[in-house]
Amino acid sequence: MQGNKNYPLALVEVSGDVQIF
């Protein structure tokens, strides 16, 4: 799990993990 601040936390919750699209 990477702490990418470029993406909203809402996206993280939906994906279950920080994924770079």
PDB file of N, CA and C in Angstrom:
ATOM      1  N   MET A   1       0.837  -1.194   0.000  1.00  0.00           N
ATOM      2  CA  MET A   1       0.000   0.000   0.000  1.00  0.00           C
ATOM      3  C   MET A   1       0.875   1.250   0.000  1.00  0.00           C
ATOM      4  N   GLN A   2       0.782   2.004  -1.073  1.00  0.00           N
ATOM      5  CA  GLN A   2       1.616   3.189  -1.215  1.00  0.00           C
ATOM      6  C   GLN A   2       0.827   4.429  -0.840  1.00  0.00           C
ATOM      7  N   GLY A   3       1.455   5.329  -0.088  1.00  0.00           N
ATOM      8  CA  GLY A   3       0.772   6.552   0.336  1.00  0.00           C
ATOM      9  C   GLY A   3       0.776   7.601  -0.754  1.00  0.00           C
ATOM     10  N   ASN A   4      -0.058   7.411  -1.762  1.00  0.00           N
ATOM     11  CA  ASN A   4      -0.152   8.389  -2.841  1.00  0.00           C
ATOM     12  C   ASN A   4      -1.177   9.447  -2.492  1.00  0.00           C
ATOM     13  N   LYS A   5      -0.712  10.648  -2.209  1.00  0.00           N
ATOM     14  CA  LYS A   5      -1.620  11.735  -1.846  1.00  0.00           C
ATOM     15  C   LYS A   5      -2.280  12.303  -3.097  1.00  0.00           C
ATOM     16  N   ASN A   6      -1.866  11.806  -4.264  1.00  0.00           N
ATOM     17  CA  ASN A   6      -2.418  12.306  -5.525  1.00  0.00           C
ATOM     18  C   ASN A   6      -3.849  11.827  -5.731  1.00  0.00           C
ATOM     19  N   TYR A   7      -4.223  10.774  -4.996  1.00  0.00           N
ATOM     20  CA  TYR A   7      -5.556  10.208  -5.154  1.00  0.00           C
ATOM     21  C   TYR A   7      -6.344  10.375  -3.858  1.00  0.00           C
ATOM     22  N   PRO A   8      -7.648  10.636  -3.971  1.00  0.00           N
ATOM     23  CA  PRO A   8      -8.508  10.845  -2.798  1.00  0.00           C
ATOM     24  C   PRO A   8      -8.629   9.572  -1.977  1.00  0.00           C
ATOM     25  N   LEU A   9      -8.824   9.730  -0.682  1.00  0.00           N
ATOM     26  CA  LEU A   9      -8.938   8.577   0.211  1.00  0.00           C
ATOM     27  C   LEU A   9     -10.176   7.755  -0.113  1.00  0.00           C
ATOM     28  N   ALA A  10     -11.162   8.393  -0.731  1.00  0.00           N
ATOM     29  CA  ALA A  10     -12.394   7.696  -1.098  1.00  0.00           C
ATOM     30  C   ALA A  10     -12.075   6.592  -2.101  1.00  0.00           C
ATOM     31  N   LEU A  11     -11.173   6.884  -3.021  1.00  0.00           N
ATOM     32  CA  LEU A  11     -10.775   5.907  -4.027  1.00  0.00           C
ATOM     33  C   LEU A  11     -10.050   4.741  -3.373  1.00  0.00           C
ATOM     34  N   VAL A  12      -9.289   5.048  -2.343  1.00  0.00           N
ATOM     35  CA  VAL A  12      -8.542   4.028  -1.611  1.00  0.00           C
ATOM     36  C   VAL A  12      -9.505   3.086  -0.907  1.00  0.00           C
ATOM     37  N   GLU A  13     -10.560   3.633  -0.344  1.00  0.00           N
ATOM     38  CA  GLU A  13     -11.532   2.825   0.382  1.00  0.00           C
ATOM     39  C   GLU A  13     -12.278   1.902  -0.564  1.00  0.00           C
ATOM     40  N   VAL A  14     -12.587   2.388  -1.746  1.00  0.00           N
ATOM     41  CA  VAL A  14     -13.321   1.592  -2.732  1.00  0.00           C
ATOM     42  C   VAL A  14     -12.437   0.478  -3.276  1.00  0.00           C
ATOM     43  N   SER A  15     -11.188   0.820  -3.577  1.00  0.00           N
ATOM     44  CA  SER A  15     -10.276  -0.154  -4.171  1.00  0.00           C
ATOM     45  C   SER A  15      -9.750  -1.115  -3.121  1.00  0.00           C
ATOM     46  N   GLY A  16      -9.715  -0.676  -1.876  1.00  0.00           N
ATOM     47  CA  GLY A  16      -9.184  -1.502  -0.806  1.00  0.00           C
ATOM     48  C   GLY A  16      -7.674  -1.373  -0.731  1.00  0.00           C
ATOM     49  N   ASP A  17      -7.100  -0.660  -1.672  1.00  0.00           N
ATOM     50  CA  ASP A  17      -5.655  -0.450  -1.703  1.00  0.00           C
ATOM     51  C   ASP A  17      -5.359   0.703  -2.651  1.00  0.00           C
ATOM     52  N   VAL A  18      -4.214   1.311  -2.481  1.00  0.00           N
ATOM     53  CA  VAL A  18      -3.870   2.439  -3.346  1.00  0.00           C
ATOM     54  C   VAL A  18      -3.355   1.919  -4.678  1.00  0.00           C
ATOM     55  N   GLN A  19      -4.126   2.107  -5.723  1.00  0.00           N
ATOM     56  CA  GLN A  19      -3.725   1.643  -7.047  1.00  0.00           C
ATOM     57  C   GLN A  19      -3.573   2.822  -7.993  1.00  0.00           C
ATOM     58  N   ILE A  20      -2.494   2.828  -8.756  1.00  0.00           N
ATOM     59  CA  ILE A  20      -2.267   3.916  -9.715  1.00  0.00           C
ATOM     60  C   ILE A  20      -2.950   3.577 -11.034  1.00  0.00           C
ATOM     61  N   PHE A  21      -3.956   4.373 -11.388  1.00  0.00           N
ATOM     62  CA  PHE A  21      -4.682   4.122 -12.632  1.00  0.00           C
ATOM     63  C   PHE A  21      -4.114   4.970 -13.745  1.00  0.00           C
TER      64      PHE A  21
END
